[in-house]
N, C-alpha and C. Protein backbone atom coordinates (compact mmCIF):
# COMPACT_ATOMS: atom_id res chain seq x y z
N MET A 1 104.58 125.68 93.90
CA MET A 1 103.40 125.18 94.84
C MET A 1 102.44 125.17 93.77
N PRO A 2 101.64 124.15 93.53
CA PRO A 2 100.45 124.10 92.74
C PRO A 2 99.39 124.82 93.36
N TYR A 3 98.38 125.36 92.49
CA TYR A 3 97.15 126.04 92.87
C TYR A 3 96.06 125.51 92.13
N LEU A 4 94.87 125.57 92.80
CA LEU A 4 93.61 125.18 92.13
C LEU A 4 92.58 126.25 92.51
N TYR A 5 91.54 126.33 91.45
CA TYR A 5 90.43 127.13 91.50
C TYR A 5 89.15 126.41 92.13
N THR A 6 88.73 127.03 93.08
CA THR A 6 87.24 126.32 93.70
C THR A 6 86.09 127.12 93.49
N CYS A 7 84.93 126.59 93.02
CA CYS A 7 83.58 127.11 93.05
C CYS A 7 82.80 126.64 94.02
N PRO A 8 82.42 127.56 95.21
CA PRO A 8 81.53 126.63 96.03
C PRO A 8 80.19 126.49 95.59
N GLU A 9 79.82 127.42 94.63
CA GLU A 9 78.34 127.42 94.23
C GLU A 9 77.95 126.09 93.09
N CYS A 10 79.04 125.86 92.55
CA CYS A 10 79.09 124.59 91.66
C CYS A 10 79.55 123.50 92.27
N ARG A 11 80.16 123.37 93.40
CA ARG A 11 80.58 122.36 94.31
C ARG A 11 81.79 121.64 93.36
N THR A 12 82.62 122.51 92.65
CA THR A 12 83.93 121.91 91.89
C THR A 12 85.07 122.65 92.02
N LYS A 13 86.14 121.83 91.82
CA LYS A 13 87.32 122.44 91.75
C LYS A 13 88.29 122.14 90.55
N SER A 14 89.21 122.92 90.22
CA SER A 14 89.91 122.47 89.02
C SER A 14 91.24 121.56 89.38
N ASP A 15 91.74 121.13 88.30
CA ASP A 15 93.00 120.49 88.31
C ASP A 15 94.00 121.15 88.84
N PRO A 16 94.92 120.73 89.47
CA PRO A 16 96.03 121.82 90.04
C PRO A 16 96.75 122.29 88.66
N TYR A 17 97.23 123.58 88.97
CA TYR A 17 98.00 124.44 87.97
C TYR A 17 99.50 124.68 88.50
N ARG A 18 100.30 124.68 87.96
CA ARG A 18 101.78 125.00 88.33
C ARG A 18 101.89 126.59 88.96
N THR A 19 101.02 127.20 88.26
CA THR A 19 101.10 128.58 88.96
C THR A 19 99.64 129.23 89.12
N GLU A 20 99.64 130.17 89.90
CA GLU A 20 98.58 130.75 90.77
C GLU A 20 97.96 131.49 89.31
N THR A 21 98.60 132.01 88.38
CA THR A 21 97.96 132.74 86.99
C THR A 21 97.15 131.49 86.44
N GLY A 22 97.49 130.45 86.30
CA GLY A 22 96.92 129.29 85.47
C GLY A 22 95.55 128.93 85.99
N ALA A 23 95.60 128.87 87.52
CA ALA A 23 94.50 128.75 88.38
C ALA A 23 93.50 129.97 88.05
N ARG A 24 93.76 131.04 88.11
CA ARG A 24 93.06 132.32 87.96
C ARG A 24 92.42 132.32 86.56
N GLY A 25 93.16 131.89 85.42
CA GLY A 25 92.66 131.63 84.31
C GLY A 25 91.75 130.67 83.97
N HIS A 26 91.63 129.59 84.80
CA HIS A 26 90.65 128.44 84.81
C HIS A 26 89.47 129.45 85.37
N GLY A 27 89.51 129.94 86.46
CA GLY A 27 88.62 130.47 87.11
C GLY A 27 87.85 131.77 86.27
N ASP A 28 88.58 132.31 85.50
CA ASP A 28 87.86 133.36 84.71
C ASP A 28 87.08 132.67 83.80
N ASP A 29 87.69 131.54 83.29
CA ASP A 29 86.86 130.71 82.13
C ASP A 29 85.54 129.97 82.68
N HIS A 30 85.65 129.64 83.87
CA HIS A 30 84.54 129.15 84.52
C HIS A 30 83.53 130.07 84.87
N ARG A 31 83.81 131.10 85.31
CA ARG A 31 83.04 132.27 85.63
C ARG A 31 82.25 132.65 84.43
N HIS A 32 82.92 132.91 83.22
CA HIS A 32 82.21 133.46 82.02
C HIS A 32 81.14 132.34 81.61
N GLU A 33 81.80 131.18 81.77
CA GLU A 33 80.74 130.05 81.15
C GLU A 33 79.58 129.56 82.02
N PHE A 34 79.95 129.61 83.30
CA PHE A 34 78.89 129.13 84.13
C PHE A 34 78.11 130.25 84.91
N HIS A 35 78.71 131.44 85.09
CA HIS A 35 78.10 132.56 85.92
C HIS A 35 77.84 133.82 85.35
N GLY A 36 78.15 133.85 84.01
CA GLY A 36 77.82 134.98 83.15
C GLY A 36 78.91 136.06 83.57
N GLY A 37 80.12 135.80 83.90
CA GLY A 37 81.17 136.57 84.52
C GLY A 37 81.27 136.72 85.76
N ASP A 38 80.23 136.88 86.55
CA ASP A 38 79.87 137.14 87.90
C ASP A 38 80.76 136.40 88.73
N HIS A 39 81.17 136.86 90.15
CA HIS A 39 82.14 136.27 90.75
C HIS A 39 81.17 135.33 91.92
N PRO A 40 81.12 134.02 91.85
CA PRO A 40 80.43 133.40 92.96
C PRO A 40 80.91 133.77 94.24
N TYR A 41 80.16 133.88 95.46
CA TYR A 41 80.43 134.28 96.48
C TYR A 41 81.31 132.99 97.29
N GLY A 42 82.38 133.30 97.70
CA GLY A 42 83.32 132.11 98.07
C GLY A 42 84.46 131.42 97.23
N GLU A 43 84.45 131.88 95.83
CA GLU A 43 85.28 131.21 95.00
C GLU A 43 86.79 131.59 95.53
N ALA A 44 87.64 130.71 95.22
CA ALA A 44 89.04 131.05 95.83
C ALA A 44 90.34 130.13 94.92
N ILE A 45 91.14 130.79 94.80
CA ILE A 45 92.29 130.25 94.39
C ILE A 45 93.24 129.84 95.55
N VAL A 46 93.57 128.31 95.68
CA VAL A 46 93.93 127.50 96.82
C VAL A 46 95.08 126.82 96.44
N PRO A 47 96.33 127.13 97.30
CA PRO A 47 97.37 126.69 97.08
C PRO A 47 97.39 125.21 97.52
N VAL A 48 97.85 124.15 96.81
CA VAL A 48 97.90 122.63 97.21
C VAL A 48 98.99 122.34 97.84
N GLU A 49 99.02 121.54 99.04
CA GLU A 49 100.37 121.21 99.62
C GLU A 49 100.74 119.91 99.06
N ARG A 50 102.13 119.72 98.86
CA ARG A 50 102.56 118.52 98.18
C ARG A 50 102.64 117.78 99.43
N PRO A 51 102.27 116.28 99.42
CA PRO A 51 102.41 115.44 100.57
C PRO A 51 103.99 115.18 100.70
N GLN A 52 104.16 115.15 102.05
CA GLN A 52 105.45 114.91 102.54
C GLN A 52 106.04 113.44 102.57
N LEU A 53 107.35 113.12 102.05
CA LEU A 53 107.66 111.74 102.23
C LEU A 53 107.84 111.40 103.55
N THR A 54 107.38 110.23 103.98
CA THR A 54 107.72 109.58 105.32
C THR A 54 108.96 108.88 105.33
N ARG A 55 109.33 108.49 106.54
CA ARG A 55 110.73 107.74 106.65
C ARG A 55 110.55 106.45 106.01
N SER A 56 109.40 105.82 106.20
CA SER A 56 109.37 104.41 105.36
C SER A 56 109.22 104.79 103.79
N ASP A 57 108.76 105.83 103.48
CA ASP A 57 108.61 106.03 101.94
C ASP A 57 109.97 106.23 101.54
N LEU A 58 110.92 107.05 102.29
CA LEU A 58 112.14 107.08 101.82
C LEU A 58 113.07 105.91 101.82
N ARG A 59 112.72 105.04 102.81
CA ARG A 59 113.54 103.67 102.80
C ARG A 59 113.07 102.93 101.50
N ILE A 60 111.91 103.03 101.28
CA ILE A 60 111.36 102.00 100.10
C ILE A 60 112.16 102.65 98.71
N LEU A 61 112.14 104.11 98.70
CA LEU A 61 112.71 104.65 97.59
C LEU A 61 114.38 104.62 97.36
N ALA A 62 114.79 104.34 98.75
CA ALA A 62 116.41 104.12 98.68
C ALA A 62 116.65 102.63 98.21
N LEU A 63 115.67 101.70 98.75
CA LEU A 63 115.74 100.15 98.50
C LEU A 63 115.68 99.94 96.78
N VAL A 64 114.69 100.81 96.27
CA VAL A 64 114.22 100.63 94.86
C VAL A 64 115.67 101.20 94.01
N ALA A 65 115.99 102.17 94.35
CA ALA A 65 117.26 102.84 93.90
C ALA A 65 118.43 102.01 93.90
N LEU A 66 118.73 101.35 95.04
CA LEU A 66 119.94 100.49 95.22
C LEU A 66 119.60 99.23 94.35
N LEU A 67 118.26 98.54 94.47
CA LEU A 67 118.36 97.42 93.48
C LEU A 67 118.40 97.91 91.93
N LEU A 68 117.98 99.11 91.67
CA LEU A 68 118.31 99.59 90.28
C LEU A 68 119.89 99.69 89.84
N LEU A 69 120.43 100.07 90.64
CA LEU A 69 121.89 100.39 90.63
C LEU A 69 122.59 98.97 90.49
N ALA A 70 122.16 98.20 91.55
CA ALA A 70 122.68 96.74 91.53
C ALA A 70 122.31 96.15 90.11
N GLY A 71 121.14 96.14 89.56
CA GLY A 71 120.83 95.61 88.21
C GLY A 71 121.74 96.31 87.24
N LEU A 72 122.08 97.34 87.17
CA LEU A 72 122.85 98.30 86.07
C LEU A 72 124.41 97.85 86.23
N ILE A 73 124.75 97.52 87.46
CA ILE A 73 126.18 97.13 87.58
C ILE A 73 126.34 95.77 87.18
N SER A 74 125.44 94.66 87.28
CA SER A 74 125.60 93.47 86.90
C SER A 74 125.28 93.44 85.60
N LYS A 75 124.66 94.05 84.70
CA LYS A 75 124.59 94.29 83.22
C LYS A 75 126.02 94.56 82.71
N LEU A 76 126.77 95.59 83.28
CA LEU A 76 128.28 95.97 82.88
C LEU A 76 129.20 94.89 83.15
N LEU A 77 128.90 94.09 84.21
CA LEU A 77 129.80 93.04 84.50
C LEU A 77 129.78 92.01 83.71
């Protein structure tokens, strides 16, 4: 699950990081650069939910995969 750093004082958030440690490192850098090392009230490391595929998304994905497979088979024949 990806994580991002948020700073409510600056009204900013980081790009998502693969690990919580990466987001914390970003927060450390931000804190030292913009807040003299102090922790702004309300800063947080937030887990980012990945969007779930809907049934229609899965149908489109299956159709694209089927078309690619059909194209590969036609090239082989």
